[in-house]
Protein backbone atom coordinates (compact mmCIF):
# COMPACT_ATOMS: atom_id res chain seq x y z
CA UNK A 1 -18.06 22.65 21.25
CA UNK A 2 -16.07 19.90 23.01
CA UNK A 3 -14.25 19.01 19.80
CA UNK A 4 -13.23 22.63 19.30
CA UNK A 5 -12.04 22.86 22.91
CA UNK A 6 -9.97 19.71 22.55
CA UNK A 7 -8.54 20.99 19.26
CA UNK A 8 -7.24 24.14 20.96
CA UNK A 9 -6.08 22.23 24.05
CA UNK A 10 -3.93 20.04 21.81
CA UNK A 11 -2.53 23.06 19.96
CA UNK A 12 -1.65 24.74 23.26
CA UNK A 13 -0.22 21.51 24.68
CA UNK A 14 2.03 21.17 21.61
CA UNK A 15 3.52 24.61 22.35
CA UNK A 16 3.59 24.06 26.14
CA UNK A 17 4.16 20.34 26.86
CA UNK A 18 4.06 20.74 30.65
CA UNK A 19 0.59 22.34 30.58
CA UNK A 20 -2.31 20.41 32.09
CA UNK A 21 -5.93 21.35 31.59
CA UNK A 22 -8.04 21.98 34.71
CA UNK A 23 -9.58 18.49 34.72
CA UNK A 24 -6.17 16.79 34.65
CA UNK A 25 -4.92 19.16 37.36
CA UNK A 26 -7.95 18.34 39.55
CA UNK A 27 -7.55 14.59 39.04
CA UNK A 28 -3.89 14.93 39.99
CA UNK A 29 -4.76 16.74 43.21
CA UNK A 30 -7.41 14.21 44.22
CA UNK A 31 -5.14 11.34 43.21
CA UNK A 32 -2.50 12.52 45.67
CA UNK A 33 -4.99 12.45 48.55
CA UNK A 34 -6.83 9.14 48.16
CA UNK A 35 -5.55 5.98 49.79
CA UNK A 36 -7.10 2.71 51.03
CA UNK A 37 -8.62 4.24 54.19
CA UNK A 38 -9.59 7.63 52.71
CA UNK A 39 -13.23 8.61 53.02
CA UNK A 40 -14.52 10.59 50.06
CA UNK A 41 -17.71 12.62 49.72
CA UNK A 42 -18.15 13.58 46.07
CA UNK A 43 -20.80 16.28 45.86
CA UNK A 44 -22.13 16.43 42.33
CA UNK A 45 -20.50 13.10 41.43
CA UNK A 46 -22.60 12.51 38.31
CA UNK A 47 -21.15 9.57 36.42
CA UNK A 48 -17.66 10.01 38.00
CA UNK A 49 -16.00 8.10 35.15
CA UNK A 50 -12.93 10.30 35.08
CA UNK A 51 -12.12 9.48 38.74
CA UNK A 52 -12.54 5.71 38.30
CA UNK A 53 -8.87 4.83 38.91
CA UNK A 54 -8.58 7.13 41.93
CA UNK A 55 -11.80 5.96 43.59
CA UNK A 56 -10.90 2.30 43.01
CA UNK A 57 -8.29 2.61 45.79
CA UNK A 58 -10.86 3.01 48.57
CA UNK A 59 -14.22 1.44 49.36
CA UNK A 60 -15.26 4.58 51.23
CA UNK A 61 -16.56 6.75 48.37
CA UNK A 62 -19.97 8.37 48.83
CA UNK A 63 -21.64 10.50 46.18
CA UNK A 64 -24.50 12.97 45.98
CA UNK A 65 -26.08 14.23 42.79
CA UNK A 66 -29.53 15.59 41.92
CA UNK A 67 -29.49 13.74 38.58
CA UNK A 68 -30.94 10.27 39.21
CA UNK A 69 -30.11 9.07 35.68
CA UNK A 70 -26.46 10.04 36.10
CA UNK A 71 -26.28 8.21 39.42
CA UNK A 72 -27.94 5.15 37.95
CA UNK A 73 -25.24 4.91 35.29
CA UNK A 74 -22.48 5.61 37.84
CA UNK A 75 -20.58 2.36 38.41
CA UNK A 76 -17.66 4.05 40.20
CA UNK A 77 -19.30 5.35 43.39
CA UNK A 78 -20.73 2.50 45.45
CA UNK A 79 -22.64 4.57 48.04
CA UNK A 80 -24.76 7.16 46.24
CA UNK A 81 -27.84 9.21 46.90
CA UNK A 82 -30.03 11.48 44.79
CA UNK A 83 -29.72 14.72 46.71
CA UNK A 84 -28.43 18.27 46.76
CA UNK A 85 -26.34 20.09 49.31
CA UNK A 86 -27.61 23.33 50.75
CA UNK A 87 -27.30 25.34 53.95
CA UNK A 88 -29.65 22.99 55.80
CA UNK A 89 -27.03 20.23 55.54
CA UNK A 90 -24.62 22.04 57.82
């Protein structure tokens, strides 16, 4: 499935060079907000590989994810916890 998606993304990008897929758009938005003193709470951080360069700019990144295996392999987020967020958190 992912290969087919990427195939069509590339075809669309060839016709529309300025187009960015939703992941690249999201990374761009987060990238514009994170600086050395920024505090980040990434809910559902998983492996967080695709935000590695952005998160490297601050030591204040905290992550929550219910998937312990994903968190164990996450080398990007330094402060992480196996957890979920629900109404009781607020």
